Amino acid sequence: MNDLHLRCAALPDIDTVLRFWRDAAEGTSISDDHDGAARLIARDPDALLLAERDGLLVGTVIAGFDGWRCSAYRLAVHPAHRRQGIATALLQAAEQRFADLGGRRVDAMVLEANERAQHAWAAAGYHREDHWRRWIKAL
């Protein structure tokens, strides 16, 4: 894992990240476009964490904190690089960021049908809260 480099995304990374998510992430979000990613980086430059190996993007996580809640999104590792500790390293960096900001608990959004992701989150110490449901409205 010494060859893994973690860093925050910058505006020039957006197109690479969007391509990466199409290959490595499950599902899509209404914000999975250039404008959405640019707004994220502009509002919180430290939120989108990238994992690189030999200059190649191999993993991502969004570690968003709004002053009230810590939210993890888009934890994704390229299929050819899974089971190598990349998700663990990304989550540790996200959790450290949250702790440094005074966060108390991390909420992660995981697709119901993505059993692989559910196992990964559980292995990292997270548990499902069945008494909450997500309510949404597109703007």
Protein backbone atom coordinates (compact mmCIF):
# COMPACT_ATOMS: atom_id res chain seq x y z
CA MET A 1 0.00 0.00 0.00
CA ASN A 2 3.03 2.30 0.12
CA ASP A 3 2.53 3.07 -3.54
CA LEU A 4 -1.01 4.38 -2.92
CA HIS A 5 -1.31 8.15 -2.96
CA LEU A 6 -4.38 9.88 -1.49
CA ARG A 7 -5.20 13.46 -2.36
CA CYS A 8 -8.10 15.87 -2.75
CA ALA A 9 -9.57 16.33 -6.20
CA ALA A 10 -9.15 19.59 -8.07
CA LEU A 11 -11.12 21.07 -10.95
CA PRO A 12 -8.83 19.55 -13.63
CA ASP A 13 -9.65 16.05 -12.23
CA ILE A 14 -13.38 16.24 -12.91
CA ASP A 15 -13.54 14.55 -16.32
CA THR A 16 -11.27 11.74 -15.13
CA VAL A 17 -13.40 11.24 -12.02
CA LEU A 18 -16.63 11.14 -14.02
CA ARG A 19 -15.19 8.53 -16.40
CA PHE A 20 -13.91 6.56 -13.41
CA TRP A 21 -17.35 6.53 -11.79
CA ARG A 22 -18.91 5.18 -14.99
CA ASP A 23 -16.48 2.24 -14.84
CA ALA A 24 -16.13 1.66 -11.09
CA ALA A 25 -19.20 2.97 -9.26
CA GLU A 26 -22.64 1.40 -9.00
CA GLY A 27 -25.60 3.51 -9.97
CA THR A 28 -25.68 7.13 -10.99
CA SER A 29 -26.60 10.37 -9.31
CA ILE A 30 -28.30 13.48 -10.61
CA SER A 31 -25.06 15.30 -9.71
CA ASP A 32 -22.78 13.02 -11.78
CA ASP A 33 -21.87 15.69 -14.27
CA HIS A 34 -19.19 18.33 -14.71
CA ASP A 35 -21.24 21.09 -13.08
CA GLY A 36 -22.15 18.95 -10.08
CA ALA A 37 -18.56 17.89 -9.43
CA ALA A 38 -17.30 21.45 -9.95
CA ARG A 39 -19.80 22.78 -7.40
CA LEU A 40 -18.68 20.16 -4.89
CA ILE A 41 -15.00 21.04 -5.31
CA ALA A 42 -15.69 24.79 -5.25
CA ARG A 43 -17.81 24.55 -2.08
CA ASP A 44 -15.61 22.05 -0.23
CA PRO A 45 -12.21 21.52 -1.89
CA ASP A 46 -11.27 18.75 0.56
CA ALA A 47 -14.42 16.63 0.18
CA LEU A 48 -13.63 14.53 -2.90
CA LEU A 49 -10.76 12.21 -2.03
CA LEU A 50 -8.88 10.36 -4.74
CA ALA A 51 -6.67 7.29 -4.45
CA GLU A 52 -4.01 6.98 -7.13
CA ARG A 53 -1.45 4.31 -7.90
CA ASP A 54 1.30 5.11 -10.39
CA GLY A 55 -0.65 8.19 -11.47
CA LEU A 56 -3.79 6.15 -12.23
CA LEU A 57 -7.06 6.86 -10.43
CA VAL A 58 -8.01 3.66 -8.57
CA GLY A 59 -10.53 4.87 -5.97
CA THR A 60 -12.72 7.72 -4.73
CA VAL A 61 -14.87 8.76 -1.83
CA ILE A 62 -16.78 11.95 -1.17
CA ALA A 63 -16.43 12.93 2.49
CA GLY A 64 -18.93 15.75 2.85
CA PHE A 65 -19.51 17.61 6.10
CA ASP A 66 -22.10 20.35 6.40
CA GLY A 67 -21.34 21.27 10.00
CA TRP A 68 -24.06 18.91 11.23
CA ARG A 69 -23.68 15.57 9.47
CA CYS A 70 -20.79 13.64 8.01
CA SER A 71 -21.85 12.00 4.76
CA ALA A 72 -19.89 9.52 2.67
CA TYR A 73 -20.76 9.08 -0.99
CA ARG A 74 -19.21 7.57 -4.07
CA LEU A 75 -16.89 5.11 -2.37
CA ALA A 76 -15.66 3.32 -5.46
CA VAL A 77 -12.61 1.24 -6.31
CA HIS A 78 -11.73 0.21 -9.85
CA PRO A 79 -12.62 -3.46 -10.36
CA ALA A 80 -9.01 -4.37 -11.24
CA HIS A 81 -7.78 -2.89 -7.94
CA ARG A 82 -10.33 -4.24 -5.47
CA ARG A 83 -9.42 -6.28 -2.38
CA GLN A 84 -6.15 -4.38 -1.97
CA GLY A 85 -7.08 -2.08 0.92
CA ILE A 86 -7.90 0.97 -1.21
CA ALA A 87 -11.45 1.40 0.12
CA THR A 88 -10.12 0.98 3.66
CA ALA A 89 -7.50 3.69 3.09
CA LEU A 90 -10.10 6.03 1.59
CA LEU A 91 -12.53 5.47 4.45
CA GLN A 92 -9.81 6.02 7.04
CA ALA A 93 -8.91 9.32 5.37
CA ALA A 94 -12.58 10.34 5.22
CA GLU A 95 -13.14 9.42 8.87
CA GLN A 96 -10.03 11.35 9.91
CA ARG A 97 -11.30 14.37 7.99
CA PHE A 98 -14.64 14.12 9.75
CA ALA A 99 -13.02 13.74 13.18
CA ASP A 100 -10.79 16.75 12.50
CA LEU A 101 -13.89 18.79 11.62
CA GLY A 102 -15.70 17.74 14.81
CA GLY A 103 -18.02 15.20 13.20
CA ARG A 104 -19.66 12.61 15.40
CA ARG A 105 -21.13 10.02 13.06
CA VAL A 106 -20.81 9.09 9.40
CA ASP A 107 -23.84 8.41 7.23
CA ALA A 108 -23.18 6.40 4.08
CA MET A 109 -25.60 5.94 1.22
CA VAL A 110 -25.43 2.42 -0.21
CA LEU A 111 -27.63 1.06 -2.98
CA GLU A 112 -29.99 -1.68 -1.81
CA ALA A 113 -29.03 -3.92 -4.73
CA ASN A 114 -25.27 -3.48 -4.29
CA GLU A 115 -24.49 -6.41 -2.02
CA ARG A 116 -20.72 -6.10 -2.59
CA ALA A 117 -20.82 -2.54 -1.27
CA GLN A 118 -22.97 -3.54 1.69
CA HIS A 119 -20.38 -6.16 2.66
CA ALA A 120 -17.55 -3.62 2.27
CA TRP A 121 -19.29 -1.07 4.49
CA ALA A 122 -20.08 -3.72 7.10
CA ALA A 123 -16.45 -4.88 7.08
CA ALA A 124 -15.44 -1.28 7.77
CA GLY A 125 -17.60 -1.22 10.91
CA TYR A 126 -20.74 0.43 9.52
CA HIS A 127 -24.24 -0.90 10.12
CA ARG A 128 -27.56 -0.41 8.41
CA GLU A 129 -30.24 1.70 10.06
CA ASP A 130 -33.57 0.35 8.90
CA HIS A 131 -35.71 2.90 10.74
CA TRP A 132 -34.67 5.74 8.39
CA ARG A 133 -35.66 6.21 4.77
CA ARG A 134 -34.34 8.68 2.27
CA TRP A 135 -36.86 11.15 0.87
CA ILE A 136 -35.92 13.05 -2.27
CA LYS A 137 -37.21 15.71 -4.61
CA ALA A 138 -35.42 16.79 -7.75
CA LEU A 139 -35.01 20.55 -8.17
